N, C-alpha and C. Protein backbone atom coordinates (compact mmCIF):
# COMPACT_ATOMS: atom_id res chain seq x y z
N UNK A 1 -16.89 3.36 19.20
CA UNK A 1 -16.34 2.45 18.20
C UNK A 1 -15.48 1.40 18.88
N UNK A 2 -15.41 0.26 18.26
CA UNK A 2 -14.57 -0.80 18.81
C UNK A 2 -13.59 -1.27 17.74
N UNK A 3 -12.50 -1.86 18.20
CA UNK A 3 -11.47 -2.37 17.30
C UNK A 3 -11.24 -3.83 17.62
N UNK A 4 -11.22 -4.64 16.57
CA UNK A 4 -10.94 -6.07 16.73
C UNK A 4 -9.70 -6.40 15.91
N UNK A 5 -8.84 -7.22 16.45
CA UNK A 5 -7.67 -7.71 15.74
C UNK A 5 -7.88 -9.19 15.48
N UNK A 6 -7.97 -9.56 14.21
CA UNK A 6 -8.16 -10.96 13.83
C UNK A 6 -6.79 -11.55 13.51
N UNK A 7 -6.46 -12.67 14.15
CA UNK A 7 -5.14 -13.25 13.92
C UNK A 7 -5.25 -14.76 13.79
N UNK A 8 -4.54 -15.32 12.83
CA UNK A 8 -4.68 -16.73 12.46
C UNK A 8 -4.04 -17.70 13.44
N UNK A 9 -3.21 -17.23 14.34
CA UNK A 9 -2.59 -18.10 15.35
C UNK A 9 -3.14 -17.70 16.73
N UNK A 10 -2.70 -18.43 17.76
CA UNK A 10 -3.06 -18.03 19.12
C UNK A 10 -2.01 -17.07 19.65
N UNK A 11 -2.27 -16.50 20.82
CA UNK A 11 -1.37 -15.49 21.37
C UNK A 11 0.02 -16.07 21.62
N UNK A 12 0.08 -17.30 22.08
CA UNK A 12 1.37 -17.93 22.39
C UNK A 12 2.25 -18.07 21.14
N UNK A 13 1.64 -18.28 19.99
CA UNK A 13 2.38 -18.51 18.75
C UNK A 13 2.46 -17.28 17.85
N UNK A 14 2.14 -16.14 18.39
CA UNK A 14 2.24 -14.89 17.63
C UNK A 14 3.68 -14.40 17.67
N UNK A 15 4.27 -14.09 16.52
CA UNK A 15 5.67 -13.66 16.52
C UNK A 15 5.87 -12.23 17.02
N UNK A 16 4.81 -11.45 17.11
CA UNK A 16 4.92 -10.05 17.52
C UNK A 16 5.20 -9.90 19.01
N UNK A 17 5.34 -8.67 19.41
CA UNK A 17 5.65 -8.31 20.79
C UNK A 17 4.46 -8.55 21.72
N UNK A 18 4.67 -9.34 22.76
CA UNK A 18 3.61 -9.56 23.75
C UNK A 18 3.28 -8.27 24.49
N UNK A 19 4.27 -7.42 24.66
CA UNK A 19 4.02 -6.13 25.30
C UNK A 19 3.06 -5.30 24.44
N UNK A 20 3.26 -5.35 23.13
CA UNK A 20 2.37 -4.63 22.22
C UNK A 20 0.95 -5.15 22.33
N UNK A 21 0.80 -6.47 22.44
CA UNK A 21 -0.53 -7.07 22.61
C UNK A 21 -1.15 -6.57 23.91
N UNK A 22 -0.38 -6.60 25.00
CA UNK A 22 -0.87 -6.14 26.30
C UNK A 22 -1.30 -4.67 26.21
N UNK A 23 -0.46 -3.84 25.58
CA UNK A 23 -0.80 -2.41 25.44
C UNK A 23 -2.07 -2.22 24.62
N UNK A 24 -2.23 -3.02 23.57
CA UNK A 24 -3.43 -2.92 22.74
C UNK A 24 -4.67 -3.31 23.55
N UNK A 25 -4.57 -4.37 24.34
CA UNK A 25 -5.69 -4.80 25.18
C UNK A 25 -6.04 -3.70 26.18
N UNK A 26 -5.02 -3.05 26.75
CA UNK A 26 -5.26 -1.91 27.66
C UNK A 26 -6.00 -0.78 26.95
N UNK A 27 -5.76 -0.61 25.65
CA UNK A 27 -6.43 0.43 24.86
C UNK A 27 -7.83 0.02 24.43
N UNK A 28 -8.24 -1.20 24.78
CA UNK A 28 -9.59 -1.65 24.45
C UNK A 28 -9.70 -2.50 23.20
N UNK A 29 -8.57 -2.90 22.64
CA UNK A 29 -8.59 -3.75 21.45
C UNK A 29 -9.01 -5.16 21.86
N UNK A 30 -9.90 -5.75 21.07
CA UNK A 30 -10.33 -7.14 21.30
C UNK A 30 -9.60 -8.03 20.30
N UNK A 31 -8.88 -9.01 20.79
CA UNK A 31 -8.18 -9.95 19.91
C UNK A 31 -9.05 -11.18 19.67
N UNK A 32 -9.20 -11.54 18.41
CA UNK A 32 -9.90 -12.76 18.03
C UNK A 32 -8.82 -13.71 17.51
N UNK A 33 -8.32 -14.55 18.41
CA UNK A 33 -7.25 -15.47 18.07
C UNK A 33 -7.80 -16.62 17.23
N UNK A 34 -6.92 -17.22 16.44
CA UNK A 34 -7.26 -18.38 15.61
C UNK A 34 -8.43 -18.07 14.67
N UNK A 35 -8.37 -16.90 14.04
CA UNK A 35 -9.36 -16.50 13.05
C UNK A 35 -8.64 -15.95 11.82
N UNK A 36 -9.25 -16.14 10.67
CA UNK A 36 -8.65 -15.67 9.42
C UNK A 36 -9.73 -15.01 8.56
N UNK A 37 -9.56 -13.73 8.23
CA UNK A 37 -10.50 -13.10 7.31
C UNK A 37 -10.37 -13.75 5.93
N UNK A 38 -11.51 -14.11 5.33
CA UNK A 38 -11.45 -14.75 4.01
C UNK A 38 -12.20 -13.96 2.94
N UNK A 39 -13.05 -13.01 3.36
CA UNK A 39 -13.80 -12.25 2.37
C UNK A 39 -14.36 -10.99 3.02
N UNK A 40 -14.47 -9.94 2.22
CA UNK A 40 -15.12 -8.71 2.67
C UNK A 40 -16.48 -8.65 2.01
N UNK A 41 -17.49 -8.24 2.77
CA UNK A 41 -18.87 -8.23 2.30
C UNK A 41 -19.40 -6.80 2.38
N UNK A 42 -20.06 -6.36 1.31
CA UNK A 42 -20.67 -5.04 1.33
C UNK A 42 -21.14 -4.64 -0.05
N UNK A 43 -21.99 -3.63 -0.07
CA UNK A 43 -22.50 -3.08 -1.32
C UNK A 43 -22.04 -1.63 -1.40
N UNK A 44 -20.98 -1.37 -2.11
CA UNK A 44 -20.33 -0.06 -2.27
C UNK A 44 -19.50 0.33 -1.05
N UNK A 45 -19.86 -0.11 0.13
CA UNK A 45 -19.04 0.13 1.32
C UNK A 45 -18.91 -1.19 2.07
N UNK A 46 -17.91 -1.27 2.89
CA UNK A 46 -17.68 -2.49 3.67
C UNK A 46 -18.76 -2.59 4.75
N UNK A 47 -19.33 -3.77 4.91
CA UNK A 47 -20.36 -3.99 5.92
C UNK A 47 -20.00 -5.12 6.88
N UNK A 48 -19.32 -6.14 6.34
CA UNK A 48 -18.98 -7.31 7.16
C UNK A 48 -17.66 -7.89 6.67
N UNK A 49 -17.06 -8.67 7.53
CA UNK A 49 -15.91 -9.47 7.14
C UNK A 49 -16.26 -10.93 7.42
N UNK A 50 -16.02 -11.78 6.44
CA UNK A 50 -16.28 -13.21 6.60
C UNK A 50 -15.00 -13.84 7.13
N UNK A 51 -15.15 -14.66 8.16
CA UNK A 51 -14.02 -15.23 8.89
C UNK A 51 -14.15 -16.74 8.94
N UNK A 52 -13.01 -17.41 8.96
CA UNK A 52 -12.99 -18.85 9.19
C UNK A 52 -12.16 -19.09 10.45
N UNK A 53 -12.60 -20.03 11.26
CA UNK A 53 -11.84 -20.39 12.47
C UNK A 53 -10.64 -21.24 12.07
N UNK A 54 -9.58 -21.13 12.85
CA UNK A 54 -8.34 -21.83 12.57
C UNK A 54 -7.99 -22.75 13.74
N UNK A 55 -7.11 -23.71 13.46
CA UNK A 55 -6.51 -24.53 14.51
C UNK A 55 -5.03 -24.65 14.18
N UNK A 56 -4.22 -24.90 15.20
CA UNK A 56 -2.80 -25.04 14.97
C UNK A 56 -2.48 -26.49 14.64
N UNK A 57 -1.78 -26.68 13.53
CA UNK A 57 -1.40 -28.02 13.08
C UNK A 57 0.01 -28.36 13.50
N UNK A 58 0.64 -29.16 12.69
CA UNK A 58 2.00 -29.63 12.96
C UNK A 58 3.00 -28.49 12.85
N UNK A 59 4.10 -28.58 13.62
CA UNK A 59 5.15 -27.55 13.53
C UNK A 59 5.86 -27.60 12.18
N UNK A 60 6.30 -26.43 11.71
CA UNK A 60 7.11 -26.37 10.50
C UNK A 60 8.58 -26.55 10.86
N UNK A 61 9.49 -26.31 9.90
CA UNK A 61 10.91 -26.52 10.15
C UNK A 61 11.48 -25.58 11.21
N UNK A 62 10.80 -24.46 11.48
CA UNK A 62 11.26 -23.53 12.52
C UNK A 62 10.67 -23.87 13.88
N UNK A 63 9.75 -24.83 13.92
CA UNK A 63 9.11 -25.20 15.18
C UNK A 63 7.77 -24.53 15.42
N UNK A 64 7.43 -23.55 14.57
CA UNK A 64 6.12 -22.88 14.70
C UNK A 64 5.03 -23.76 14.12
N UNK A 65 3.93 -23.85 14.85
CA UNK A 65 2.80 -24.66 14.38
C UNK A 65 2.03 -23.89 13.31
N UNK A 66 1.78 -24.56 12.21
CA UNK A 66 1.07 -23.95 11.08
C UNK A 66 -0.43 -23.87 11.34
N UNK A 67 -1.02 -22.69 11.08
CA UNK A 67 -2.47 -22.58 11.23
C UNK A 67 -3.18 -23.28 10.07
N UNK A 68 -4.28 -23.96 10.40
CA UNK A 68 -5.08 -24.67 9.40
C UNK A 68 -6.54 -24.28 9.58
N UNK A 69 -7.24 -24.11 8.47
CA UNK A 69 -8.65 -23.76 8.54
C UNK A 69 -9.48 -24.93 9.05
N UNK A 70 -10.47 -24.61 9.88
CA UNK A 70 -11.43 -25.61 10.36
C UNK A 70 -12.61 -25.60 9.39
N UNK A 71 -12.88 -26.73 8.78
CA UNK A 71 -13.96 -26.82 7.79
C UNK A 71 -15.31 -26.42 8.40
N UNK A 72 -16.11 -25.73 7.60
CA UNK A 72 -17.48 -25.33 7.97
C UNK A 72 -17.55 -24.48 9.24
N UNK A 73 -16.52 -23.66 9.47
CA UNK A 73 -16.51 -22.82 10.68
C UNK A 73 -16.65 -21.33 10.34
N UNK A 74 -17.06 -21.02 9.11
CA UNK A 74 -17.15 -19.63 8.69
C UNK A 74 -18.25 -18.88 9.44
N UNK A 75 -17.99 -17.61 9.68
CA UNK A 75 -19.01 -16.72 10.24
C UNK A 75 -18.66 -15.30 9.82
N UNK A 76 -19.56 -14.36 10.06
CA UNK A 76 -19.34 -12.97 9.68
C UNK A 76 -19.45 -12.07 10.90
N UNK A 77 -18.70 -10.97 10.86
CA UNK A 77 -18.86 -9.93 11.88
C UNK A 77 -19.08 -8.60 11.17
N UNK A 78 -19.90 -7.75 11.78
CA UNK A 78 -20.19 -6.43 11.25
C UNK A 78 -18.94 -5.57 11.37
N UNK A 79 -18.72 -4.70 10.39
CA UNK A 79 -17.64 -3.74 10.47
C UNK A 79 -17.92 -2.60 9.49
N UNK A 80 -17.23 -1.49 9.68
CA UNK A 80 -17.34 -0.40 8.72
C UNK A 80 -15.98 0.07 8.24
N UNK A 81 -14.92 -0.56 8.74
CA UNK A 81 -13.57 -0.23 8.31
C UNK A 81 -12.68 -1.44 8.53
N UNK A 82 -11.82 -1.69 7.57
CA UNK A 82 -10.85 -2.78 7.70
C UNK A 82 -9.47 -2.20 7.48
N UNK A 83 -8.57 -2.49 8.38
CA UNK A 83 -7.17 -2.10 8.24
C UNK A 83 -6.37 -3.39 8.20
N UNK A 84 -5.71 -3.63 7.08
CA UNK A 84 -4.92 -4.85 6.95
C UNK A 84 -3.49 -4.57 7.43
N UNK A 85 -3.00 -5.43 8.28
CA UNK A 85 -1.61 -5.36 8.75
C UNK A 85 -0.90 -6.56 8.15
N UNK A 86 -0.12 -6.31 7.12
CA UNK A 86 0.41 -7.42 6.33
C UNK A 86 1.92 -7.56 6.38
N UNK A 87 2.64 -6.65 6.99
CA UNK A 87 4.09 -6.78 7.01
C UNK A 87 4.76 -5.45 7.21
N UNK A 88 6.07 -5.44 7.03
CA UNK A 88 6.86 -4.25 7.33
C UNK A 88 7.40 -3.53 6.11
N UNK A 89 7.30 -4.12 4.94
CA UNK A 89 7.86 -3.48 3.75
C UNK A 89 6.87 -2.50 3.16
N UNK A 90 7.35 -1.29 2.76
CA UNK A 90 6.43 -0.30 2.19
C UNK A 90 5.92 -0.73 0.83
N UNK A 91 4.70 -0.32 0.54
CA UNK A 91 4.07 -0.57 -0.75
C UNK A 91 4.24 0.67 -1.62
N UNK A 92 3.95 0.54 -2.89
CA UNK A 92 3.86 1.70 -3.76
C UNK A 92 2.49 2.31 -3.51
N UNK A 93 2.43 3.20 -2.53
CA UNK A 93 1.15 3.70 -2.02
C UNK A 93 0.32 4.42 -3.08
N UNK A 94 0.88 5.34 -3.87
CA UNK A 94 0.04 5.98 -4.89
C UNK A 94 -0.57 4.97 -5.85
N UNK A 95 0.19 3.96 -6.24
CA UNK A 95 -0.33 2.93 -7.14
C UNK A 95 -1.38 2.07 -6.43
N UNK A 96 -1.12 1.73 -5.17
CA UNK A 96 -2.03 0.89 -4.40
C UNK A 96 -3.42 1.52 -4.32
N UNK A 97 -3.47 2.85 -4.16
CA UNK A 97 -4.74 3.55 -4.02
C UNK A 97 -5.19 4.21 -5.33
N UNK A 98 -4.45 3.94 -6.42
CA UNK A 98 -4.76 4.55 -7.71
C UNK A 98 -4.90 6.06 -7.57
N UNK A 99 -3.94 6.65 -6.88
CA UNK A 99 -3.98 8.07 -6.56
C UNK A 99 -2.59 8.67 -6.82
N UNK A 100 -2.27 8.97 -8.10
CA UNK A 100 -0.92 9.43 -8.42
C UNK A 100 -0.51 10.73 -7.74
N UNK A 101 -1.47 11.54 -7.29
CA UNK A 101 -1.13 12.80 -6.62
C UNK A 101 -0.77 12.63 -5.15
N UNK A 102 -0.91 11.43 -4.63
CA UNK A 102 -0.58 11.17 -3.23
C UNK A 102 0.94 11.24 -3.06
N UNK A 103 1.40 12.15 -2.21
CA UNK A 103 2.83 12.36 -2.01
C UNK A 103 3.37 11.39 -0.97
N UNK A 104 4.56 10.85 -1.21
CA UNK A 104 5.19 9.96 -0.25
C UNK A 104 6.53 10.54 0.18
N UNK A 105 7.00 10.08 1.34
CA UNK A 105 8.28 10.52 1.88
C UNK A 105 9.40 9.65 1.32
N UNK A 106 10.63 9.99 1.67
CA UNK A 106 11.78 9.18 1.23
C UNK A 106 11.75 7.79 1.84
N UNK A 107 10.99 7.60 2.94
CA UNK A 107 10.85 6.27 3.57
C UNK A 107 9.74 5.44 2.93
N UNK A 108 9.02 6.03 1.97
CA UNK A 108 7.93 5.31 1.32
C UNK A 108 6.61 5.43 2.05
N UNK A 109 6.54 6.30 3.05
CA UNK A 109 5.30 6.51 3.80
C UNK A 109 4.55 7.71 3.22
N UNK A 110 3.28 7.81 3.56
CA UNK A 110 2.47 8.92 3.05
C UNK A 110 2.85 10.21 3.76
N UNK A 111 3.02 11.26 2.97
CA UNK A 111 3.34 12.58 3.50
C UNK A 111 2.05 13.25 3.97
N UNK A 112 2.05 13.71 5.22
CA UNK A 112 0.86 14.38 5.78
C UNK A 112 1.26 15.65 6.51
N UNK A 113 0.26 16.45 6.83
CA UNK A 113 0.40 17.58 7.75
C UNK A 113 0.09 17.00 9.13
N UNK A 114 1.07 16.94 10.01
CA UNK A 114 0.88 16.28 11.31
C UNK A 114 -0.11 17.00 12.22
N UNK A 115 -0.42 18.27 11.95
CA UNK A 115 -1.43 18.97 12.76
C UNK A 115 -2.84 18.49 12.41
N UNK A 116 -3.06 18.17 11.13
CA UNK A 116 -4.40 17.78 10.69
C UNK A 116 -4.49 16.31 10.27
N UNK A 117 -3.35 15.68 10.06
CA UNK A 117 -3.27 14.29 9.57
C UNK A 117 -3.79 14.18 8.13
N UNK A 118 -3.88 15.32 7.44
CA UNK A 118 -4.36 15.32 6.06
C UNK A 118 -3.17 15.24 5.11
N UNK A 119 -3.37 14.50 4.02
CA UNK A 119 -2.36 14.43 2.97
C UNK A 119 -2.40 15.73 2.19
N UNK A 120 -1.61 15.80 1.14
CA UNK A 120 -1.63 16.99 0.29
C UNK A 120 -2.86 17.02 -0.62
N UNK A 121 -3.67 15.97 -0.57
CA UNK A 121 -4.93 15.93 -1.32
C UNK A 121 -6.04 16.34 -0.34
N UNK A 122 -6.73 17.41 -0.65
CA UNK A 122 -7.76 17.93 0.24
C UNK A 122 -8.79 16.85 0.57
N UNK A 123 -9.03 16.64 1.87
CA UNK A 123 -10.03 15.69 2.32
C UNK A 123 -9.54 14.26 2.43
N UNK A 124 -8.27 14.02 2.16
CA UNK A 124 -7.70 12.67 2.26
C UNK A 124 -6.75 12.64 3.45
N UNK A 125 -7.06 11.76 4.41
CA UNK A 125 -6.31 11.67 5.65
C UNK A 125 -5.57 10.33 5.72
N UNK A 126 -4.52 10.28 6.54
CA UNK A 126 -3.78 9.03 6.72
C UNK A 126 -3.24 8.98 8.14
N UNK A 127 -3.06 7.75 8.64
CA UNK A 127 -2.58 7.56 10.00
C UNK A 127 -1.95 6.18 10.14
N UNK A 128 -1.20 6.00 11.21
CA UNK A 128 -0.63 4.69 11.52
C UNK A 128 0.64 4.41 10.75
N UNK A 129 0.90 3.12 10.52
CA UNK A 129 2.14 2.70 9.88
C UNK A 129 2.32 3.27 8.48
N UNK A 130 1.23 3.55 7.80
CA UNK A 130 1.34 4.08 6.44
C UNK A 130 1.91 5.50 6.46
N UNK A 131 1.90 6.13 7.65
CA UNK A 131 2.49 7.45 7.84
C UNK A 131 3.80 7.34 8.61
N UNK A 132 3.83 6.56 9.68
CA UNK A 132 4.99 6.45 10.56
C UNK A 132 6.05 5.48 10.06
N UNK A 133 5.63 4.48 9.29
CA UNK A 133 6.48 3.33 9.03
C UNK A 133 6.16 2.29 10.10
N UNK A 134 6.81 1.15 10.04
CA UNK A 134 6.52 0.07 10.98
C UNK A 134 6.69 0.57 12.41
N UNK A 135 5.66 0.38 13.21
CA UNK A 135 5.66 0.89 14.58
C UNK A 135 4.73 0.03 15.42
N UNK A 136 4.56 0.43 16.66
CA UNK A 136 3.67 -0.28 17.57
C UNK A 136 2.21 0.00 17.23
N UNK A 137 1.37 -1.00 17.42
CA UNK A 137 -0.05 -0.86 17.11
C UNK A 137 -0.69 0.22 17.98
N UNK A 138 -0.20 0.42 19.19
CA UNK A 138 -0.79 1.45 20.05
C UNK A 138 -0.61 2.84 19.45
N UNK A 139 0.50 3.07 18.73
CA UNK A 139 0.67 4.36 18.06
C UNK A 139 -0.33 4.49 16.91
N UNK A 140 -0.59 3.40 16.21
CA UNK A 140 -1.58 3.43 15.14
C UNK A 140 -2.97 3.72 15.70
N UNK A 141 -3.27 3.15 16.85
CA UNK A 141 -4.57 3.40 17.50
C UNK A 141 -4.68 4.87 17.87
N UNK A 142 -3.63 5.42 18.49
CA UNK A 142 -3.64 6.83 18.86
C UNK A 142 -3.80 7.70 17.61
N UNK A 143 -3.00 7.40 16.58
CA UNK A 143 -3.09 8.17 15.34
C UNK A 143 -4.50 8.07 14.74
N UNK A 144 -5.08 6.88 14.79
CA UNK A 144 -6.43 6.70 14.25
C UNK A 144 -7.45 7.55 14.98
N UNK A 145 -7.34 7.57 16.30
CA UNK A 145 -8.27 8.39 17.09
C UNK A 145 -8.08 9.88 16.81
N UNK A 146 -6.81 10.32 16.75
CA UNK A 146 -6.53 11.73 16.45
C UNK A 146 -7.05 12.09 15.06
N UNK A 147 -6.83 11.20 14.12
CA UNK A 147 -7.26 11.46 12.74
C UNK A 147 -8.78 11.51 12.66
N UNK A 148 -9.46 10.63 13.39
CA UNK A 148 -10.93 10.65 13.39
C UNK A 148 -11.44 12.02 13.86
N UNK A 149 -10.82 12.58 14.89
CA UNK A 149 -11.21 13.92 15.37
C UNK A 149 -10.98 14.97 14.28
N UNK A 150 -9.83 14.87 13.59
CA UNK A 150 -9.53 15.83 12.53
C UNK A 150 -10.49 15.68 11.35
N UNK A 151 -10.86 14.46 11.02
CA UNK A 151 -11.83 14.24 9.94
C UNK A 151 -13.18 14.84 10.34
N UNK A 152 -13.57 14.63 11.60
CA UNK A 152 -14.83 15.19 12.10
C UNK A 152 -14.80 16.72 11.97
N UNK A 153 -13.72 17.35 12.41
CA UNK A 153 -13.60 18.80 12.31
C UNK A 153 -13.64 19.26 10.85
N UNK A 154 -12.96 18.54 9.98
CA UNK A 154 -12.94 18.87 8.56
C UNK A 154 -14.36 18.80 7.98
N UNK A 155 -15.08 17.74 8.30
CA UNK A 155 -16.44 17.59 7.78
C UNK A 155 -17.38 18.65 8.34
N UNK A 156 -17.21 18.99 9.62
CA UNK A 156 -18.04 20.05 10.20
C UNK A 156 -17.81 21.37 9.48
N UNK A 157 -16.53 21.71 9.24
CA UNK A 157 -16.22 22.96 8.54
C UNK A 157 -16.77 22.93 7.11
N UNK A 158 -16.64 21.79 6.44
CA UNK A 158 -17.15 21.66 5.07
C UNK A 158 -18.66 21.82 5.04
N UNK A 159 -19.35 21.21 6.01
CA UNK A 159 -20.80 21.31 6.08
C UNK A 159 -21.22 22.75 6.35
N UNK A 160 -20.54 23.43 7.29
CA UNK A 160 -20.87 24.82 7.59
C UNK A 160 -20.66 25.70 6.36
N UNK A 161 -19.58 25.43 5.62
CA UNK A 161 -19.29 26.20 4.41
C UNK A 161 -20.40 25.99 3.37
N UNK A 162 -20.81 24.75 3.18
CA UNK A 162 -21.88 24.45 2.22
C UNK A 162 -23.19 25.11 2.63
N UNK A 163 -23.50 25.05 3.93
CA UNK A 163 -24.75 25.65 4.42
C UNK A 163 -24.73 27.17 4.25
N UNK A 164 -23.60 27.81 4.54
CA UNK A 164 -23.53 29.26 4.41
C UNK A 164 -23.61 29.68 2.94
N UNK A 165 -23.04 28.88 2.05
CA UNK A 165 -23.14 29.19 0.61
C UNK A 165 -24.57 29.01 0.10
N UNK A 166 -25.27 27.99 0.56
CA UNK A 166 -26.65 27.78 0.10
C UNK A 166 -27.59 28.83 0.68
N UNK A 167 -27.27 29.36 1.87
CA UNK A 167 -28.11 30.39 2.48
C UNK A 167 -28.00 31.70 1.71
N UNK A 168 -26.85 31.93 1.05
CA UNK A 168 -26.65 33.16 0.29
C UNK A 168 -27.43 33.17 -1.01
N UNK A 169 -27.80 32.01 -1.50
CA UNK A 169 -28.48 31.92 -2.81
C UNK A 169 -29.94 32.24 -2.72
């Protein structure tokens, strides 16, 4: 699997930590600078993200150059998962996912079993900032990889259980 980070500015004008960017690149993350996701494409599941190319325009009052869309520069890339990184403030997670049984911590993050990365809802897993709170992207990558292994193990056990039950019939 590969991970791409789409960002509307260039690396020089990114407000985040350059060390975090370097660490992410070391982990194999591909940065697509001056790109902006504008639409998700798929039939019941995500298949592609539609992107528009950006350019840096005039500086704003803080001196940062504002990103501007380049007309007729849209294109699509294949994907099967999208993780939006939109800021540092917690959301009302149960409402966001229309899942009132989803338990949250006092920090507003999702409550999980750290051994399995599973929430209190059977078969529902969580990782990254939604569990840790605002943190480095490399921790989210590590959590994502660990969670993927736990999901794989969970599905294997579920499949074995289903097969053994059907064999008894």
